[in-house]
Amino acid sequence: EDEREAYTDSEGFVYPKITLASINPACADVQVRPDLEFRIIG
């Protein structure tokens, strides 16, 4: 809820919060910000 505004566009559409997760527990995950370019390649 406290993040919802950052993921909502001007028309009220709420984007998903995407995490690019690491398998190695010693490495940090990557949190995808909705205002930056993001594409699935494959």
ModelCIF file with pLDDT and N, C-alpha, C, O atoms, coordinates in Angstrom:
data_MODEL
#
_entry.id   MODEL 
#
_entity.id                         1 
_entity.type                       polymer 
_entity.pdbx_number_of_molecules   1 
#
_entity_poly.entity_id                      1 
_entity_poly.type                           'polypeptide(L)' 
_entity_poly.nstd_linkage                   no 
_entity_poly.nstd_monomer                   no 
_entity_poly.pdbx_seq_one_letter_code       EDEREAYTDSEGFVYPKITLASINPACADVQVRPDLEFRIIG 
_entity_poly.pdbx_seq_one_letter_code_can   EDEREAYTDSEGFVYPKITLASINPACADVQVRPDLEFRIIG 
_entity_poly.pdbx_strand_id                 A 
#
loop_
_entity_poly_seq.entity_id 
_entity_poly_seq.num 
_entity_poly_seq.mon_id 
_entity_poly_seq.hetero 
1 1  GLU n 
1 2  ASP n 
1 3  GLU n 
1 4  ARG n 
1 5  GLU n 
1 6  ALA n 
1 7  TYR n 
1 8  THR n 
1 9  ASP n 
1 10 SER n 
1 11 GLU n 
1 12 GLY n 
1 13 PHE n 
1 14 VAL n 
1 15 TYR n 
1 16 PRO n 
1 17 LYS n 
1 18 ILE n 
1 19 THR n 
1 20 LEU n 
1 21 ALA n 
1 22 SER n 
1 23 ILE n 
1 24 ASN n 
1 25 PRO n 
1 26 ALA n 
1 27 CYS n 
1 28 ALA n 
1 29 ASP n 
1 30 VAL n 
1 31 GLN n 
1 32 VAL n 
1 33 ARG n 
1 34 PRO n 
1 35 ASP n 
1 36 LEU n 
1 37 GLU n 
1 38 PHE n 
1 39 ARG n 
1 40 ILE n 
1 41 ILE n 
1 42 GLY n 
#
_struct_asym.id          A 
_struct_asym.entity_id   1 
#
loop_
_ma_qa_metric.id 
_ma_qa_metric.mode 
_ma_qa_metric.name 
_ma_qa_metric.software_group_id 
_ma_qa_metric.type 
1 global pLDDT . pLDDT 
2 local  pLDDT . pLDDT 
#
_ma_qa_metric_global.metric_id      1 
_ma_qa_metric_global.metric_value   88.29 
_ma_qa_metric_global.model_id       1 
_ma_qa_metric_global.ordinal_id     1 
#
loop_
_ma_qa_metric_local.label_asym_id 
_ma_qa_metric_local.label_comp_id 
_ma_qa_metric_local.label_seq_id 
_ma_qa_metric_local.metric_id 
_ma_qa_metric_local.metric_value 
_ma_qa_metric_local.model_id 
_ma_qa_metric_local.ordinal_id 
A GLU 1  2 84.00 1 1  
A ASP 2  2 84.00 1 2  
A GLU 3  2 82.00 1 3  
A ARG 4  2 84.00 1 4  
A GLU 5  2 84.00 1 5  
A ALA 6  2 82.00 1 6  
A TYR 7  2 83.00 1 7  
A THR 8  2 83.00 1 8  
A ASP 9  2 80.00 1 9  
A SER 10 2 79.00 1 10 
A GLU 11 2 82.00 1 11 
A GLY 12 2 80.00 1 12 
A PHE 13 2 84.00 1 13 
A VAL 14 2 84.00 1 14 
A TYR 15 2 83.00 1 15 
A PRO 16 2 88.00 1 16 
A LYS 17 2 90.00 1 17 
A ILE 18 2 93.00 1 18 
A THR 19 2 94.00 1 19 
A LEU 20 2 95.00 1 20 
A ALA 21 2 95.00 1 21 
A SER 22 2 94.00 1 22 
A ILE 23 2 93.00 1 23 
A ASN 24 2 92.00 1 24 
A PRO 25 2 92.00 1 25 
A ALA 26 2 92.00 1 26 
A CYS 27 2 92.00 1 27 
A ALA 28 2 92.00 1 28 
A ASP 29 2 94.00 1 29 
A VAL 30 2 93.00 1 30 
A GLN 31 2 93.00 1 31 
A VAL 32 2 92.00 1 32 
A ARG 33 2 88.00 1 33 
A PRO 34 2 85.00 1 34 
A ASP 35 2 85.00 1 35 
A LEU 36 2 89.00 1 36 
A GLU 37 2 89.00 1 37 
A PHE 38 2 91.00 1 38 
A ARG 39 2 91.00 1 39 
A ILE 40 2 93.00 1 40 
A ILE 41 2 92.00 1 41 
A GLY 42 2 93.00 1 42 
#
loop_
_atom_site.group_PDB 
_atom_site.id 
_atom_site.type_symbol 
_atom_site.label_atom_id 
_atom_site.label_alt_id 
_atom_site.label_comp_id 
_atom_site.label_asym_id 
_atom_site.label_entity_id 
_atom_site.label_seq_id 
_atom_site.pdbx_PDB_ins_code 
_atom_site.Cartn_x 
_atom_site.Cartn_y 
_atom_site.Cartn_z 
_atom_site.occupancy 
_atom_site.B_iso_or_equiv 
_atom_site.pdbx_formal_charge 
_atom_site.auth_seq_id 
_atom_site.auth_comp_id 
_atom_site.auth_asym_id 
_atom_site.auth_atom_id 
_atom_site.pdbx_PDB_model_num 
ATOM 1   N N  . GLU A 1 1  ? 0.819  -1.218  0.000   1.00 84.00 ? 1  GLU A N  1 
ATOM 2   C CA . GLU A 1 1  ? 0.000  0.000   0.000   1.00 84.00 ? 1  GLU A CA 1 
ATOM 3   C C  . GLU A 1 1  ? 0.849  1.262   0.000   1.00 84.00 ? 1  GLU A C  1 
ATOM 4   O O  . GLU A 1 1  ? 0.526  2.223   -0.699  1.00 84.00 ? 1  GLU A O  1 
ATOM 5   N N  . ASP A 1 2  ? 1.923  1.275   0.768   1.00 84.00 ? 2  ASP A N  1 
ATOM 6   C CA . ASP A 1 2  ? 2.745  2.472   0.836   1.00 84.00 ? 2  ASP A CA 1 
ATOM 7   C C  . ASP A 1 2  ? 3.606  2.668   -0.417  1.00 84.00 ? 2  ASP A C  1 
ATOM 8   O O  . ASP A 1 2  ? 4.247  3.706   -0.581  1.00 84.00 ? 2  ASP A O  1 
ATOM 9   N N  . GLU A 1 3  ? 3.614  1.662   -1.298  1.00 82.00 ? 3  GLU A N  1 
ATOM 10  C CA . GLU A 1 3  ? 4.363  1.780   -2.559  1.00 82.00 ? 3  GLU A CA 1 
ATOM 11  C C  . GLU A 1 3  ? 3.436  1.965   -3.751  1.00 82.00 ? 3  GLU A C  1 
ATOM 12  O O  . GLU A 1 3  ? 3.897  2.234   -4.860  1.00 82.00 ? 3  GLU A O  1 
ATOM 13  N N  . ARG A 1 4  ? 2.156  1.825   -3.536  1.00 84.00 ? 4  ARG A N  1 
ATOM 14  C CA . ARG A 1 4  ? 1.182  1.761   -4.623  1.00 84.00 ? 4  ARG A CA 1 
ATOM 15  C C  . ARG A 1 4  ? 1.231  2.994   -5.521  1.00 84.00 ? 4  ARG A C  1 
ATOM 16  O O  . ARG A 1 4  ? 1.114  2.877   -6.741  1.00 84.00 ? 4  ARG A O  1 
ATOM 17  N N  . GLU A 1 5  ? 1.399  4.140   -4.944  1.00 84.00 ? 5  GLU A N  1 
ATOM 18  C CA . GLU A 1 5  ? 1.393  5.378   -5.741  1.00 84.00 ? 5  GLU A CA 1 
ATOM 19  C C  . GLU A 1 5  ? 2.534  5.386   -6.763  1.00 84.00 ? 5  GLU A C  1 
ATOM 20  O O  . GLU A 1 5  ? 2.364  5.856   -7.888  1.00 84.00 ? 5  GLU A O  1 
ATOM 21  N N  . ALA A 1 6  ? 3.693  4.864   -6.363  1.00 82.00 ? 6  ALA A N  1 
ATOM 22  C CA . ALA A 1 6  ? 4.845  4.857   -7.264  1.00 82.00 ? 6  ALA A CA 1 
ATOM 23  C C  . ALA A 1 6  ? 4.632  3.916   -8.447  1.00 82.00 ? 6  ALA A C  1 
ATOM 24  O O  . ALA A 1 6  ? 5.283  4.064   -9.482  1.00 82.00 ? 6  ALA A O  1 
ATOM 25  N N  . TYR A 1 7  ? 3.722  2.945   -8.301  1.00 83.00 ? 7  TYR A N  1 
ATOM 26  C CA . TYR A 1 7  ? 3.480  1.967   -9.357  1.00 83.00 ? 7  TYR A CA 1 
ATOM 27  C C  . TYR A 1 7  ? 2.183  2.247   -10.119 1.00 83.00 ? 7  TYR A C  1 
ATOM 28  O O  . TYR A 1 7  ? 1.742  1.416   -10.912 1.00 83.00 ? 7  TYR A O  1 
ATOM 29  N N  . THR A 1 8  ? 1.575  3.400   -9.887  1.00 83.00 ? 8  THR A N  1 
ATOM 30  C CA . THR A 1 8  ? 0.304  3.743   -10.535 1.00 83.00 ? 8  THR A CA 1 
ATOM 31  C C  . THR A 1 8  ? 0.537  4.855   -11.548 1.00 83.00 ? 8  THR A C  1 
ATOM 32  O O  . THR A 1 8  ? 1.155  5.873   -11.234 1.00 83.00 ? 8  THR A O  1 
ATOM 33  N N  . ASP A 1 9  ? 0.031  4.652   -12.788 1.00 80.00 ? 9  ASP A N  1 
ATOM 34  C CA . ASP A 1 9  ? 0.219  5.680   -13.816 1.00 80.00 ? 9  ASP A CA 1 
ATOM 35  C C  . ASP A 1 9  ? -0.886 6.722   -13.747 1.00 80.00 ? 9  ASP A C  1 
ATOM 36  O O  . ASP A 1 9  ? -1.745 6.663   -12.866 1.00 80.00 ? 9  ASP A O  1 
ATOM 37  N N  . SER A 1 10 ? -0.868 7.676   -14.672 1.00 79.00 ? 10 SER A N  1 
ATOM 38  C CA . SER A 1 10 ? -1.807 8.803   -14.637 1.00 79.00 ? 10 SER A CA 1 
ATOM 39  C C  . SER A 1 10 ? -3.245 8.378   -14.885 1.00 79.00 ? 10 SER A C  1 
ATOM 40  O O  . SER A 1 10 ? -4.177 9.112   -14.555 1.00 79.00 ? 10 SER A O  1 
ATOM 41  N N  . GLU A 1 11 ? -3.428 7.213   -15.458 1.00 82.00 ? 11 GLU A N  1 
ATOM 42  C CA . GLU A 1 11 ? -4.782 6.722   -15.728 1.00 82.00 ? 11 GLU A CA 1 
ATOM 43  C C  . GLU A 1 11 ? -5.249 5.733   -14.670 1.00 82.00 ? 11 GLU A C  1 
ATOM 44  O O  . GLU A 1 11 ? -6.304 5.115   -14.816 1.00 82.00 ? 11 GLU A O  1 
ATOM 45  N N  . GLY A 1 12 ? -4.481 5.584   -13.623 1.00 80.00 ? 12 GLY A N  1 
ATOM 46  C CA . GLY A 1 12 ? -4.881 4.725   -12.516 1.00 80.00 ? 12 GLY A CA 1 
ATOM 47  C C  . GLY A 1 12 ? -4.481 3.275   -12.651 1.00 80.00 ? 12 GLY A C  1 
ATOM 48  O O  . GLY A 1 12 ? -4.859 2.453   -11.816 1.00 80.00 ? 12 GLY A O  1 
ATOM 49  N N  . PHE A 1 13 ? -3.720 2.937   -13.687 1.00 84.00 ? 13 PHE A N  1 
ATOM 50  C CA . PHE A 1 13 ? -3.288 1.552   -13.853 1.00 84.00 ? 13 PHE A CA 1 
ATOM 51  C C  . PHE A 1 13 ? -2.140 1.259   -12.889 1.00 84.00 ? 13 PHE A C  1 
ATOM 52  O O  . PHE A 1 13 ? -1.173 2.018   -12.823 1.00 84.00 ? 13 PHE A O  1 
ATOM 53  N N  . VAL A 1 14 ? -2.243 0.171   -12.150 1.00 84.00 ? 14 VAL A N  1 
ATOM 54  C CA . VAL A 1 14 ? -1.225 -0.212  -11.182 1.00 84.00 ? 14 VAL A CA 1 
ATOM 55  C C  . VAL A 1 14 ? -0.305 -1.265  -11.809 1.00 84.00 ? 14 VAL A C  1 
ATOM 56  O O  . VAL A 1 14 ? -0.745 -2.359  -12.162 1.00 84.00 ? 14 VAL A O  1 
ATOM 57  N N  . TYR A 1 15 ? 0.967  -0.919  -11.940 1.00 83.00 ? 15 TYR A N  1 
ATOM 58  C CA . TYR A 1 15 ? 1.940  -1.848  -12.507 1.00 83.00 ? 15 TYR A CA 1 
ATOM 59  C C  . TYR A 1 15 ? 2.390  -2.853  -11.453 1.00 83.00 ? 15 TYR A C  1 
ATOM 60  O O  . TYR A 1 15 ? 2.419  -2.533  -10.265 1.00 83.00 ? 15 TYR A O  1 
ATOM 61  N N  . PRO A 1 16 ? 2.738  -4.057  -11.875 1.00 88.00 ? 16 PRO A N  1 
ATOM 62  C CA . PRO A 1 16 ? 3.226  -5.045  -10.907 1.00 88.00 ? 16 PRO A CA 1 
ATOM 63  C C  . PRO A 1 16 ? 4.592  -4.637  -10.361 1.00 88.00 ? 16 PRO A C  1 
ATOM 64  O O  . PRO A 1 16 ? 5.359  -3.936  -11.021 1.00 88.00 ? 16 PRO A O  1 
ATOM 65  N N  . LYS A 1 17 ? 4.872  -5.085  -9.161  1.00 90.00 ? 17 LYS A N  1 
ATOM 66  C CA . LYS A 1 17 ? 6.190  -4.884  -8.574  1.00 90.00 ? 17 LYS A CA 1 
ATOM 67  C C  . LYS A 1 17 ? 7.024  -6.119  -8.926  1.00 90.00 ? 17 LYS A C  1 
ATOM 68  O O  . LYS A 1 17 ? 6.738  -7.223  -8.462  1.00 90.00 ? 17 LYS A O  1 
ATOM 69  N N  . ILE A 1 18 ? 8.045  -5.923  -9.740  1.00 93.00 ? 18 ILE A N  1 
ATOM 70  C CA . ILE A 1 18 ? 8.823  -7.043  -10.261 1.00 93.00 ? 18 ILE A CA 1 
ATOM 71  C C  . ILE A 1 18 ? 10.163 -7.136  -9.543  1.00 93.00 ? 18 ILE A C  1 
ATOM 72  O O  . ILE A 1 18 ? 10.879 -6.147  -9.391  1.00 93.00 ? 18 ILE A O  1 
ATOM 73  N N  . THR A 1 19 ? 10.475 -8.332  -9.114  1.00 94.00 ? 19 THR A N  1 
ATOM 74  C CA . THR A 1 19 ? 11.778 -8.620  -8.511  1.00 94.00 ? 19 THR A CA 1 
ATOM 75  C C  . THR A 1 19 ? 12.523 -9.589  -9.419  1.00 94.00 ? 19 THR A C  1 
ATOM 76  O O  . THR A 1 19 ? 11.980 -10.615 -9.830  1.00 94.00 ? 19 THR A O  1 
ATOM 77  N N  . LEU A 1 20 ? 13.775 -9.254  -9.727  1.00 95.00 ? 20 LEU A N  1 
ATOM 78  C CA . LEU A 1 20 ? 14.659 -10.168 -10.436 1.00 95.00 ? 20 LEU A CA 1 
ATOM 79  C C  . LEU A 1 20 ? 15.517 -10.825 -9.362  1.00 95.00 ? 20 LEU A C  1 
ATOM 80  O O  . LEU A 1 20 ? 16.478 -10.241 -8.860  1.00 95.00 ? 20 LEU A O  1 
ATOM 81  N N  . ALA A 1 21 ? 15.148 -12.044 -9.030  1.00 95.00 ? 21 ALA A N  1 
ATOM 82  C CA . ALA A 1 21 ? 15.711 -12.700 -7.842  1.00 95.00 ? 21 ALA A CA 1 
ATOM 83  C C  . ALA A 1 21 ? 16.967 -13.496 -8.169  1.00 95.00 ? 21 ALA A C  1 
ATOM 84  O O  . ALA A 1 21 ? 17.073 -14.125 -9.222  1.00 95.00 ? 21 ALA A O  1 
ATOM 85  N N  . SER A 1 22 ? 17.914 -13.452 -7.239  1.00 94.00 ? 22 SER A N  1 
ATOM 86  C CA . SER A 1 22 ? 19.125 -14.259 -7.320  1.00 94.00 ? 22 SER A CA 1 
ATOM 87  C C  . SER A 1 22 ? 18.880 -15.600 -6.653  1.00 94.00 ? 22 SER A C  1 
ATOM 88  O O  . SER A 1 22 ? 18.059 -15.700 -5.741  1.00 94.00 ? 22 SER A O  1 
ATOM 89  N N  . ILE A 1 23 ? 19.585 -16.632 -7.101  1.00 93.00 ? 23 ILE A N  1 
ATOM 90  C CA . ILE A 1 23 ? 19.519 -17.939 -6.457  1.00 93.00 ? 23 ILE A CA 1 
ATOM 91  C C  . ILE A 1 23 ? 20.527 -18.017 -5.325  1.00 93.00 ? 23 ILE A C  1 
ATOM 92  O O  . ILE A 1 23 ? 20.261 -18.614 -4.281  1.00 93.00 ? 23 ILE A O  1 
ATOM 93  N N  . ASN A 1 24 ? 21.678 -17.415 -5.537  1.00 92.00 ? 24 ASN A N  1 
ATOM 94  C CA . ASN A 1 24 ? 22.721 -17.392 -4.510  1.00 92.00 ? 24 ASN A CA 1 
ATOM 95  C C  . ASN A 1 24 ? 22.283 -16.460 -3.373  1.00 92.00 ? 24 ASN A C  1 
ATOM 96  O O  . ASN A 1 24 ? 22.126 -15.261 -3.602  1.00 92.00 ? 24 ASN A O  1 
ATOM 97  N N  . PRO A 1 25 ? 22.082 -16.973 -2.164  1.00 92.00 ? 25 PRO A N  1 
ATOM 98  C CA . PRO A 1 25 ? 21.592 -16.131 -1.056  1.00 92.00 ? 25 PRO A CA 1 
ATOM 99  C C  . PRO A 1 25 ? 22.567 -15.024 -0.671  1.00 92.00 ? 25 PRO A C  1 
ATOM 100 O O  . PRO A 1 25 ? 22.178 -14.079 0.017   1.00 92.00 ? 25 PRO A O  1 
ATOM 101 N N  . ALA A 1 26 ? 23.816 -15.120 -1.095  1.00 92.00 ? 26 ALA A N  1 
ATOM 102 C CA . ALA A 1 26 ? 24.803 -14.087 -0.767  1.00 92.00 ? 26 ALA A CA 1 
ATOM 103 C C  . ALA A 1 26 ? 24.702 -12.875 -1.690  1.00 92.00 ? 26 ALA A C  1 
ATOM 104 O O  . ALA A 1 26 ? 25.360 -11.861 -1.461  1.00 92.00 ? 26 ALA A O  1 
ATOM 105 N N  . CYS A 1 27 ? 23.876 -12.982 -2.736  1.00 92.00 ? 27 CYS A N  1 
ATOM 106 C CA . CYS A 1 27 ? 23.760 -11.895 -3.719  1.00 92.00 ? 27 CYS A CA 1 
ATOM 107 C C  . CYS A 1 27 ? 22.383 -11.245 -3.629  1.00 92.00 ? 27 CYS A C  1 
ATOM 108 O O  . CYS A 1 27 ? 21.375 -11.923 -3.433  1.00 92.00 ? 27 CYS A O  1 
ATOM 109 N N  . ALA A 1 28 ? 22.356 -9.939  -3.772  1.00 92.00 ? 28 ALA A N  1 
ATOM 110 C CA . ALA A 1 28 ? 21.110 -9.184  -3.639  1.00 92.00 ? 28 ALA A CA 1 
ATOM 111 C C  . ALA A 1 28 ? 20.218 -9.366  -4.864  1.00 92.00 ? 28 ALA A C  1 
ATOM 112 O O  . ALA A 1 28 ? 20.698 -9.612  -5.970  1.00 92.00 ? 28 ALA A O  1 
ATOM 113 N N  . ASP A 1 29 ? 18.902 -9.240  -4.640  1.00 94.00 ? 29 ASP A N  1 
ATOM 114 C CA . ASP A 1 29 ? 17.946 -9.239  -5.737  1.00 94.00 ? 29 ASP A CA 1 
ATOM 115 C C  . ASP A 1 29 ? 17.934 -7.851  -6.390  1.00 94.00 ? 29 ASP A C  1 
ATOM 116 O O  . ASP A 1 29 ? 18.463 -6.885  -5.839  1.00 94.00 ? 29 ASP A O  1 
ATOM 117 N N  . VAL A 1 30 ? 17.324 -7.777  -7.564  1.00 93.00 ? 30 VAL A N  1 
ATOM 118 C CA . VAL A 1 30 ? 17.178 -6.496  -8.262  1.00 93.00 ? 30 VAL A CA 1 
ATOM 119 C C  . VAL A 1 30 ? 15.699 -6.125  -8.270  1.00 93.00 ? 30 VAL A C  1 
ATOM 120 O O  . VAL A 1 30 ? 14.872 -6.875  -8.790  1.00 93.00 ? 30 VAL A O  1 
ATOM 121 N N  . GLN A 1 31 ? 15.365 -4.973  -7.696  1.00 93.00 ? 31 GLN A N  1 
ATOM 122 C CA . GLN A 1 31 ? 13.997 -4.481  -7.697  1.00 93.00 ? 31 GLN A CA 1 
ATOM 123 C C  . GLN A 1 31 ? 13.799 -3.572  -8.904  1.00 93.00 ? 31 GLN A C  1 
ATOM 124 O O  . GLN A 1 31 ? 14.531 -2.599  -9.082  1.00 93.00 ? 31 GLN A O  1 
ATOM 125 N N  . VAL A 1 32 ? 12.813 -3.892  -9.728  1.00 92.00 ? 32 VAL A N  1 
ATOM 126 C CA . VAL A 1 32 ? 12.567 -3.143  -10.960 1.00 92.00 ? 32 VAL A CA 1 
ATOM 127 C C  . VAL A 1 32 ? 11.680 -1.939  -10.662 1.00 92.00 ? 32 VAL A C  1 
ATOM 128 O O  . VAL A 1 32 ? 10.551 -2.088  -10.194 1.00 92.00 ? 32 VAL A O  1 
ATOM 129 N N  . ARG A 1 33 ? 12.194 -0.764  -10.934 1.00 88.00 ? 33 ARG A N  1 
ATOM 130 C CA . ARG A 1 33 ? 11.411 0.460   -10.765 1.00 88.00 ? 33 ARG A CA 1 
ATOM 131 C C  . ARG A 1 33 ? 10.515 0.664   -11.977 1.00 88.00 ? 33 ARG A C  1 
ATOM 132 O O  . ARG A 1 33 ? 10.948 0.430   -13.105 1.00 88.00 ? 33 ARG A O  1 
ATOM 133 N N  . PRO A 1 34 ? 9.275  1.096   -11.769 1.00 85.00 ? 34 PRO A N  1 
ATOM 134 C CA . PRO A 1 34 ? 8.329  1.237   -12.888 1.00 85.00 ? 34 PRO A CA 1 
ATOM 135 C C  . PRO A 1 34 ? 8.673  2.371   -13.847 1.00 85.00 ? 34 PRO A C  1 
ATOM 136 O O  . PRO A 1 34 ? 8.178  2.395   -14.974 1.00 85.00 ? 34 PRO A O  1 
ATOM 137 N N  . ASP A 1 35 ? 9.520  3.316   -13.415 1.00 85.00 ? 35 ASP A N  1 
ATOM 138 C CA . ASP A 1 35 ? 9.846  4.457   -14.273 1.00 85.00 ? 35 ASP A CA 1 
ATOM 139 C C  . ASP A 1 35 ? 11.081 4.211   -15.140 1.00 85.00 ? 35 ASP A C  1 
ATOM 140 O O  . ASP A 1 35 ? 11.501 5.100   -15.880 1.00 85.00 ? 35 ASP A O  1 
ATOM 141 N N  . LEU A 1 36 ? 11.662 3.019   -15.057 1.00 89.00 ? 36 LEU A N  1 
ATOM 142 C CA . LEU A 1 36 ? 12.839 2.699   -15.862 1.00 89.00 ? 36 LEU A CA 1 
ATOM 143 C C  . LEU A 1 36 ? 12.500 1.593   -16.859 1.00 89.00 ? 36 LEU A C  1 
ATOM 144 O O  . LEU A 1 36 ? 11.619 0.767   -16.622 1.00 89.00 ? 36 LEU A O  1 
ATOM 145 N N  . GLU A 1 37 ? 13.220 1.599   -17.973 1.00 89.00 ? 37 GLU A N  1 
ATOM 146 C CA . GLU A 1 37 ? 12.927 0.636   -19.017 1.00 89.00 ? 37 GLU A CA 1 
ATOM 147 C C  . GLU A 1 37 ? 13.187 -0.785  -18.536 1.00 89.00 ? 37 GLU A C  1 
ATOM 148 O O  . GLU A 1 37 ? 14.208 -1.072  -17.910 1.00 89.00 ? 37 GLU A O  1 
ATOM 149 N N  . PHE A 1 38 ? 12.242 -1.666  -18.844 1.00 91.00 ? 38 PHE A N  1 
ATOM 150 C CA . PHE A 1 38 ? 12.372 -3.072  -18.471 1.00 91.00 ? 38 PHE A CA 1 
ATOM 151 C C  . PHE A 1 38 ? 11.760 -3.924  -19.573 1.00 91.00 ? 38 PHE A C  1 
ATOM 152 O O  . PHE A 1 38 ? 10.637 -3.673  -20.010 1.00 91.00 ? 38 PHE A O  1 
ATOM 153 N N  . ARG A 1 39 ? 12.497 -4.927  -20.017 1.00 91.00 ? 39 ARG A N  1 
ATOM 154 C CA . ARG A 1 39 ? 11.997 -5.837  -21.049 1.00 91.00 ? 39 ARG A CA 1 
ATOM 155 C C  . ARG A 1 39 ? 12.407 -7.266  -20.730 1.00 91.00 ? 39 ARG A C  1 
ATOM 156 O O  . ARG A 1 39 ? 13.507 -7.521  -20.240 1.00 91.00 ? 39 ARG A O  1 
ATOM 157 N N  . ILE A 1 40 ? 11.513 -8.178  -21.013 1.00 93.00 ? 40 ILE A N  1 
ATOM 158 C CA . ILE A 1 40 ? 11.826 -9.605  -20.948 1.00 93.00 ? 40 ILE A CA 1 
ATOM 159 C C  . ILE A 1 40 ? 12.389 -10.003 -22.302 1.00 93.00 ? 40 ILE A C  1 
ATOM 160 O O  . ILE A 1 40 ? 11.759 -9.777  -23.335 1.00 93.00 ? 40 ILE A O  1 
ATOM 161 N N  . ILE A 1 41 ? 13.578 -10.594 -22.295 1.00 92.00 ? 41 ILE A N  1 
ATOM 162 C CA . ILE A 1 41 ? 14.200 -11.023 -23.537 1.00 92.00 ? 41 ILE A CA 1 
ATOM 163 C C  . ILE A 1 41 ? 13.836 -12.467 -23.872 1.00 92.00 ? 41 ILE A C  1 
ATOM 164 O O  . ILE A 1 41 ? 13.532 -12.786 -25.021 1.00 92.00 ? 41 ILE A O  1 
ATOM 165 N N  . GLY A 1 42 ? 13.868 -13.325 -22.876 1.00 93.00 ? 42 GLY A N  1 
ATOM 166 C CA . GLY A 1 42 ? 13.527 -14.712 -23.148 1.00 93.00 ? 42 GLY A CA 1 
ATOM 167 C C  . GLY A 1 42 ? 13.590 -15.591 -21.927 1.00 93.00 ? 42 GLY A C  1 
ATOM 168 O O  . GLY A 1 42 ? 13.324 -16.790 -22.015 1.00 93.00 ? 42 GLY A O  1 
#
